Amino acid sequence: MNVMRAKLRVAGVYKREDGSEDLTFFAVAKNSAYPEDGSDENNTYAKWSPSAEFKLHCCNPALYGQFKEGEEYYVDFTPAG
């Protein structure tokens, strides 16, 4: 299997009473018109994975407050077995 890389944008950060956070990510998409030459990286990611949703309940105190709405991240998928 080939490795797959997705590019996701933080859509929401919900802080729980216990200090942990629920993080929601969506696939990147165009914010405005893409350059005609296709040079915008998000254009390439949106073409091959136009829709994605990823939710994570983060219980690692070292990561609390590290994710901000609007930030973008690469997520790599590799076989675990």
Protein backbone atom coordinates (compact mmCIF):
# COMPACT_ATOMS: atom_id res chain seq x y z
CA MET A 1 0.00 0.00 0.00
CA ASN A 2 1.21 3.50 -0.80
CA VAL A 3 1.43 6.05 1.96
CA MET A 4 -1.34 8.65 1.84
CA ARG A 5 -0.95 12.23 3.01
CA ALA A 6 -3.94 14.45 3.70
CA LYS A 7 -3.97 18.14 4.48
CA LEU A 8 -6.49 19.15 7.13
CA ARG A 9 -7.60 22.45 8.66
CA VAL A 10 -8.60 22.81 12.31
CA ALA A 11 -12.33 23.59 12.26
CA GLY A 12 -12.96 23.60 15.99
CA VAL A 13 -11.40 23.24 19.41
CA TYR A 14 -13.77 22.41 22.27
CA LYS A 15 -12.31 22.54 25.77
CA ARG A 16 -13.81 20.05 28.22
CA GLU A 17 -14.27 20.60 31.95
CA ASP A 18 -11.50 18.11 32.74
CA GLY A 19 -9.01 20.15 30.66
CA SER A 20 -8.96 17.80 27.69
CA GLU A 21 -9.94 18.99 24.22
CA ASP A 22 -12.08 17.76 21.36
CA LEU A 23 -10.48 18.69 18.04
CA THR A 24 -12.29 18.71 14.71
CA PHE A 25 -10.47 18.85 11.36
CA PHE A 26 -11.78 19.07 7.79
CA ALA A 27 -10.03 18.65 4.45
CA VAL A 28 -8.55 21.85 3.04
CA ALA A 29 -10.55 23.53 0.31
CA LYS A 30 -10.25 26.70 -1.63
CA ASN A 31 -10.82 29.92 0.31
CA SER A 32 -10.90 32.00 -2.85
CA ALA A 33 -10.06 31.51 -6.50
CA TYR A 34 -7.08 29.25 -7.14
CA PRO A 35 -4.25 30.50 -9.34
CA GLU A 36 -4.80 29.50 -12.96
CA ASP A 37 -1.49 27.61 -12.98
CA GLY A 38 -2.69 25.38 -10.11
CA SER A 39 0.25 26.41 -7.93
CA ASP A 40 -1.79 26.65 -4.73
CA GLU A 41 -0.94 23.51 -2.72
CA ASN A 42 -4.45 23.29 -1.23
CA ASN A 43 -5.79 23.01 -4.80
CA THR A 44 -3.88 19.75 -5.25
CA TYR A 45 -5.02 18.30 -1.92
CA ALA A 46 -8.65 19.34 -2.50
CA LYS A 47 -8.60 17.70 -5.94
CA TRP A 48 -7.62 14.25 -4.62
CA SER A 49 -9.35 14.31 -1.22
CA PRO A 50 -12.11 16.90 -1.55
CA SER A 51 -13.91 15.81 1.59
CA ALA A 52 -12.60 14.62 4.94
CA GLU A 53 -13.55 14.91 8.58
CA PHE A 54 -11.34 13.88 11.49
CA LYS A 55 -12.22 14.15 15.17
CA LEU A 56 -9.85 13.59 18.05
CA HIS A 57 -10.31 13.71 21.82
CA CYS A 58 -6.92 14.91 23.06
CA CYS A 59 -6.02 13.89 26.64
CA ASN A 60 -2.33 14.83 26.46
CA PRO A 61 -1.76 17.89 28.70
CA ALA A 62 1.38 18.78 26.71
CA LEU A 63 -0.84 19.41 23.68
CA TYR A 64 -3.61 21.43 25.34
CA GLY A 65 -3.97 24.81 23.66
CA GLN A 66 -1.55 23.91 20.86
CA PHE A 67 -4.19 23.62 18.11
CA LYS A 68 -5.90 26.79 16.87
CA GLU A 69 -8.86 27.14 14.51
CA GLY A 70 -7.75 27.80 10.94
CA GLU A 71 -4.32 26.15 11.27
CA GLU A 72 -3.46 23.50 8.69
CA TYR A 73 -1.71 20.18 9.27
CA TYR A 74 -0.47 17.26 7.22
CA VAL A 75 -1.74 13.85 8.33
CA ASP A 76 0.09 10.78 7.08
CA PHE A 77 -1.53 7.37 6.84
CA THR A 78 0.76 4.35 6.84
CA PRO A 79 -0.10 0.73 7.48
CA ALA A 80 0.27 -0.26 11.14
CA GLY A 81 0.69 -3.97 10.59
